[in-house]
Amino acid sequence: DLLEAASVNASAAPANLDINVEDDELFGLEADSTQTAAAPSAAVPSYVDLPTRRASRTALYEELEVHVDDLPAVLVDISVNGAQILSPTALKPNRSVTLLLPFGGRSLRCVGKVVWARLEASSDAMRYRGGIYFTSVDAAAIEEFVTRVAPSAL
């Protein structure tokens, strides 16, 4: 029954609004012909099969203001491959962005794409949490940034 199927799918929906980009090319993944994919279950959300991270992330325990396309945001965690941010402005998946990190009297420039975004309600206001996959970044500078900003994390 169509009404019953709609009820099952609605009950499996996440509480927050999640928007994901499922693009194997973006993550540099290649299809593996030796493995066959199982048919998706109607009760399992589509975002559970996202690619795994290729680098460990370093969480920041104090708020650090960064800029995404010249707009303020807060850095949540970072790796040489990407970052998670909180932003008061909308983050749109698959959009190219420039993230500027404060790095000693200058800014470290990281170019990337928003790969996922979620609208969250906080006690203060609505905000967006999002993941950025870096497409152009100085990995050595990111590692140095992490040692300066979160030295206890290494």
C-alpha atoms as a PDB file:
ATOM      1  CA  ASP A   1       0.000   0.000   0.000  1.00  0.00           C
ATOM      2  CA  LEU A   2       1.448   3.394  -0.989  1.00  0.00           C
ATOM      3  CA  LEU A   3       0.293   5.113   2.218  1.00  0.00           C
ATOM      4  CA  GLU A   4       1.961   2.425   4.341  1.00  0.00           C
ATOM      5  CA  ALA A   5       5.248   2.762   2.411  1.00  0.00           C
ATOM      6  CA  ALA A   6       5.209   6.533   2.895  1.00  0.00           C
ATOM      7  CA  SER A   7       4.744   6.061   6.652  1.00  0.00           C
ATOM      8  CA  VAL A   8       7.731   3.685   6.852  1.00  0.00           C
ATOM      9  CA  ASN A   9       9.971   6.077   4.908  1.00  0.00           C
ATOM     10  CA  ALA A  10       8.888   9.089   6.981  1.00  0.00           C
ATOM     11  CA  SER A  11       9.692   7.291  10.229  1.00  0.00           C
ATOM     12  CA  ALA A  12      13.229   6.562   8.972  1.00  0.00           C
ATOM     13  CA  ALA A  13      13.942  10.229   8.184  1.00  0.00           C
ATOM     14  CA  PRO A  14      16.628  11.956  10.290  1.00  0.00           C
ATOM     15  CA  ALA A  15      15.651  14.678  12.771  1.00  0.00           C
ATOM     16  CA  ASN A  16      17.942  17.282  11.176  1.00  0.00           C
ATOM     17  CA  LEU A  17      17.898  18.189   7.500  1.00  0.00           C
ATOM     18  CA  ASP A  18      20.898  16.435   5.917  1.00  0.00           C
ATOM     19  CA  ILE A  19      22.024  17.225   2.395  1.00  0.00           C
ATOM     20  CA  ASN A  20      24.816  15.102   0.938  1.00  0.00           C
ATOM     21  CA  VAL A  21      26.749  14.912  -2.294  1.00  0.00           C
ATOM     22  CA  GLU A  22      27.329  11.346  -3.397  1.00  0.00           C
ATOM     23  CA  ASP A  23      30.042  11.762  -6.008  1.00  0.00           C
ATOM     24  CA  ASP A  24      32.749   9.073  -6.130  1.00  0.00           C
ATOM     25  CA  GLU A  25      34.824  11.204  -8.486  1.00  0.00           C
ATOM     26  CA  LEU A  26      34.910  14.043  -5.941  1.00  0.00           C
ATOM     27  CA  PHE A  27      36.507  11.694  -3.404  1.00  0.00           C
ATOM     28  CA  GLY A  28      38.857  10.128  -5.965  1.00  0.00           C
ATOM     29  CA  LEU A  29      37.219   6.709  -5.584  1.00  0.00           C
ATOM     30  CA  GLU A  30      37.137   4.158  -8.376  1.00  0.00           C
ATOM     31  CA  ALA A  31      34.518   1.497  -8.920  1.00  0.00           C
ATOM     32  CA  ASP A  32      35.601  -1.947  -7.734  1.00  0.00           C
ATOM     33  CA  SER A  33      34.342  -4.576 -10.157  1.00  0.00           C
ATOM     34  CA  THR A  34      35.059  -7.401  -7.673  1.00  0.00           C
ATOM     35  CA  GLN A  35      32.390  -6.235  -5.250  1.00  0.00           C
ATOM     36  CA  THR A  36      28.670  -6.140  -5.860  1.00  0.00           C
ATOM     37  CA  ALA A  37      26.482  -3.655  -4.065  1.00  0.00           C
ATOM     38  CA  ALA A  38      23.520  -4.898  -2.076  1.00  0.00           C
ATOM     39  CA  ALA A  39      20.107  -3.501  -2.886  1.00  0.00           C
ATOM     40  CA  PRO A  40      19.346  -0.579  -0.551  1.00  0.00           C
ATOM     41  CA  SER A  41      16.843  -1.210   2.206  1.00  0.00           C
ATOM     42  CA  ALA A  42      13.844   1.128   2.365  1.00  0.00           C
ATOM     43  CA  ALA A  43      14.438   1.650   6.107  1.00  0.00           C
ATOM     44  CA  VAL A  44      18.122   2.675   5.773  1.00  0.00           C
ATOM     45  CA  PRO A  45      18.831   6.353   5.036  1.00  0.00           C
ATOM     46  CA  SER A  46      20.861   6.916   1.846  1.00  0.00           C
ATOM     47  CA  TYR A  47      23.666   8.762   3.633  1.00  0.00           C
ATOM     48  CA  VAL A  48      24.970   5.753   5.586  1.00  0.00           C
ATOM     49  CA  ASP A  49      27.186   4.561   2.707  1.00  0.00           C
ATOM     50  CA  LEU A  50      29.275   7.720   2.352  1.00  0.00           C
ATOM     51  CA  PRO A  51      32.974   7.268   1.531  1.00  0.00           C
ATOM     52  CA  THR A  52      35.289   6.915   4.510  1.00  0.00           C
ATOM     53  CA  ARG A  53      37.809   9.595   5.424  1.00  0.00           C
ATOM     54  CA  ARG A  54      41.308   9.269   4.030  1.00  0.00           C
ATOM     55  CA  ALA A  55      42.923  11.387   6.768  1.00  0.00           C
ATOM     56  CA  SER A  56      42.303  11.747  10.478  1.00  0.00           C
ATOM     57  CA  ARG A  57      40.573  14.920  11.614  1.00  0.00           C
ATOM     58  CA  THR A  58      41.752  17.141  14.446  1.00  0.00           C
ATOM     59  CA  ALA A  59      38.948  18.583  16.570  1.00  0.00           C
ATOM     60  CA  LEU A  60      39.265  22.115  17.898  1.00  0.00           C
ATOM     61  CA  TYR A  61      38.200  22.528  21.503  1.00  0.00           C
ATOM     62  CA  GLU A  62      38.014  26.325  21.405  1.00  0.00           C
ATOM     63  CA  GLU A  63      36.053  28.353  18.862  1.00  0.00           C
ATOM     64  CA  LEU A  64      38.210  29.564  16.015  1.00  0.00           C
ATOM     65  CA  GLU A  65      36.718  32.058  13.584  1.00  0.00           C
ATOM     66  CA  VAL A  66      37.472  31.393   9.928  1.00  0.00           C
ATOM     67  CA  HIS A  67      36.052  32.820   6.717  1.00  0.00           C
ATOM     68  CA  VAL A  68      34.203  30.936   3.993  1.00  0.00           C
ATOM     69  CA  ASP A  69      33.893  33.040   0.854  1.00  0.00           C
ATOM     70  CA  ASP A  70      34.595  36.136   3.000  1.00  0.00           C
ATOM     71  CA  LEU A  71      31.775  35.316   5.452  1.00  0.00           C
ATOM     72  CA  PRO A  72      32.475  34.389   9.099  1.00  0.00           C
ATOM     73  CA  ALA A  73      32.227  30.770  10.246  1.00  0.00           C
ATOM     74  CA  VAL A  74      33.600  28.607  13.073  1.00  0.00           C
ATOM     75  CA  LEU A  75      36.065  25.771  12.454  1.00  0.00           C
ATOM     76  CA  VAL A  76      34.979  22.504  14.145  1.00  0.00           C
ATOM     77  CA  ASP A  77      37.647  20.106  12.875  1.00  0.00           C
ATOM     78  CA  ILE A  78      40.249  19.885  10.122  1.00  0.00           C
ATOM     79  CA  SER A  79      42.499  17.479   8.221  1.00  0.00           C
ATOM     80  CA  VAL A  80      44.711  17.775   5.157  1.00  0.00           C
ATOM     81  CA  ASN A  81      41.703  16.641   3.092  1.00  0.00           C
ATOM     82  CA  GLY A  82      38.933  18.817   4.505  1.00  0.00           C
ATOM     83  CA  ALA A  83      37.208  20.608   7.351  1.00  0.00           C
ATOM     84  CA  GLN A  84      33.929  20.786   9.224  1.00  0.00           C
ATOM     85  CA  ILE A  85      32.504  24.237   9.907  1.00  0.00           C
ATOM     86  CA  LEU A  86      29.538  25.986  11.507  1.00  0.00           C
ATOM     87  CA  SER A  87      28.119  28.893   9.534  1.00  0.00           C
ATOM     88  CA  PRO A  88      25.262  31.347  10.048  1.00  0.00           C
ATOM     89  CA  THR A  89      24.831  31.457   6.249  1.00  0.00           C
ATOM     90  CA  ALA A  90      23.589  28.651   3.998  1.00  0.00           C
ATOM     91  CA  LEU A  91      26.049  26.022   2.801  1.00  0.00           C
ATOM     92  CA  LYS A  92      25.099  24.456  -0.521  1.00  0.00           C
ATOM     93  CA  PRO A  93      26.468  21.004  -1.390  1.00  0.00           C
ATOM     94  CA  ASN A  94      28.697  20.745  -4.449  1.00  0.00           C
ATOM     95  CA  ARG A  95      29.443  24.478  -4.324  1.00  0.00           C
ATOM     96  CA  SER A  96      33.076  25.557  -4.597  1.00  0.00           C
ATOM     97  CA  VAL A  97      34.235  27.631  -1.632  1.00  0.00           C
ATOM     98  CA  THR A  98      37.379  29.292  -0.326  1.00  0.00           C
ATOM     99  CA  LEU A  99      38.177  28.757   3.352  1.00  0.00           C
ATOM    100  CA  LEU A 100      40.597  31.215   4.967  1.00  0.00           C
ATOM    101  CA  LEU A 101      42.315  30.057   8.166  1.00  0.00           C
ATOM    102  CA  PRO A 102      44.075  32.553  10.469  1.00  0.00           C
ATOM    103  CA  PHE A 103      47.736  31.575  10.350  1.00  0.00           C
ATOM    104  CA  GLY A 104      50.159  33.826  12.236  1.00  0.00           C
ATOM    105  CA  GLY A 105      49.552  37.382  10.700  1.00  0.00           C
ATOM    106  CA  ARG A 106      48.291  35.959   7.401  1.00  0.00           C
ATOM    107  CA  SER A 107      45.573  33.671   6.100  1.00  0.00           C
ATOM    108  CA  LEU A 108      45.992  30.110   4.899  1.00  0.00           C
ATOM    109  CA  ARG A 109      43.847  29.677   1.763  1.00  0.00           C
ATOM    110  CA  CYS A 110      42.052  26.356   1.199  1.00  0.00           C
ATOM    111  CA  VAL A 111      39.890  25.827  -1.877  1.00  0.00           C
ATOM    112  CA  GLY A 112      37.284  23.086  -1.754  1.00  0.00           C
ATOM    113  CA  LYS A 113      33.728  21.892  -2.268  1.00  0.00           C
ATOM    114  CA  VAL A 114      30.895  21.597   0.213  1.00  0.00           C
ATOM    115  CA  VAL A 115      30.167  17.845   0.307  1.00  0.00           C
ATOM    116  CA  TRP A 116      27.444  17.850   2.960  1.00  0.00           C
ATOM    117  CA  ALA A 117      25.416  20.377   4.917  1.00  0.00           C
ATOM    118  CA  ARG A 118      22.881  20.219   7.716  1.00  0.00           C
ATOM    119  CA  LEU A 119      20.620  22.949   9.045  1.00  0.00           C
ATOM    120  CA  GLU A 120      20.688  22.949  12.859  1.00  0.00           C
ATOM    121  CA  ALA A 121      18.616  24.807  15.394  1.00  0.00           C
ATOM    122  CA  SER A 122      20.558  26.092  18.387  1.00  0.00           C
ATOM    123  CA  SER A 123      19.413  28.100  21.384  1.00  0.00           C
ATOM    124  CA  ASP A 124      20.745  31.266  19.715  1.00  0.00           C
ATOM    125  CA  ALA A 125      19.692  30.866  16.081  1.00  0.00           C
ATOM    126  CA  MET A 126      19.623  28.625  13.052  1.00  0.00           C
ATOM    127  CA  ARG A 127      23.029  27.642  11.702  1.00  0.00           C
ATOM    128  CA  TYR A 128      24.522  25.326   9.119  1.00  0.00           C
ATOM    129  CA  ARG A 129      27.032  22.577   9.858  1.00  0.00           C
ATOM    130  CA  GLY A 130      28.925  21.462   6.788  1.00  0.00           C
ATOM    131  CA  GLY A 131      31.813  19.452   5.463  1.00  0.00           C
ATOM    132  CA  ILE A 132      34.292  20.844   2.974  1.00  0.00           C
ATOM    133  CA  TYR A 133      36.519  18.573   0.872  1.00  0.00           C
ATOM    134  CA  PHE A 134      39.727  20.402  -0.107  1.00  0.00           C
ATOM    135  CA  THR A 135      40.532  20.427  -3.824  1.00  0.00           C
ATOM    136  CA  SER A 136      43.525  22.771  -3.539  1.00  0.00           C
ATOM    137  CA  VAL A 137      45.477  23.133  -0.308  1.00  0.00           C
ATOM    138  CA  ASP A 138      49.042  23.184   1.014  1.00  0.00           C
ATOM    139  CA  ALA A 139      49.036  19.972   3.104  1.00  0.00           C
ATOM    140  CA  ALA A 140      52.270  20.881   4.930  1.00  0.00           C
ATOM    141  CA  ALA A 141      50.803  24.262   5.911  1.00  0.00           C
ATOM    142  CA  ILE A 142      47.629  22.546   7.209  1.00  0.00           C
ATOM    143  CA  GLU A 143      49.766  20.205   9.345  1.00  0.00           C
ATOM    144  CA  GLU A 144      51.663  23.197  10.744  1.00  0.00           C
ATOM    145  CA  PHE A 145      48.365  25.015  11.349  1.00  0.00           C
ATOM    146  CA  VAL A 146      47.101  22.023  13.353  1.00  0.00           C
ATOM    147  CA  THR A 147      50.259  21.918  15.507  1.00  0.00           C
ATOM    148  CA  ARG A 148      49.849  25.617  16.335  1.00  0.00           C
ATOM    149  CA  VAL A 149      46.078  25.674  16.891  1.00  0.00           C
ATOM    150  CA  ALA A 150      45.580  22.282  18.528  1.00  0.00           C
ATOM    151  CA  PRO A 151      49.036  21.136  19.724  1.00  0.00           C
ATOM    152  CA  SER A 152      47.589  18.734  22.306  1.00  0.00           C
ATOM    153  CA  ALA A 153      45.655  16.901  19.589  1.00  0.00           C
ATOM    154  CA  LEU A 154      48.798  15.467  17.966  1.00  0.00           C
END
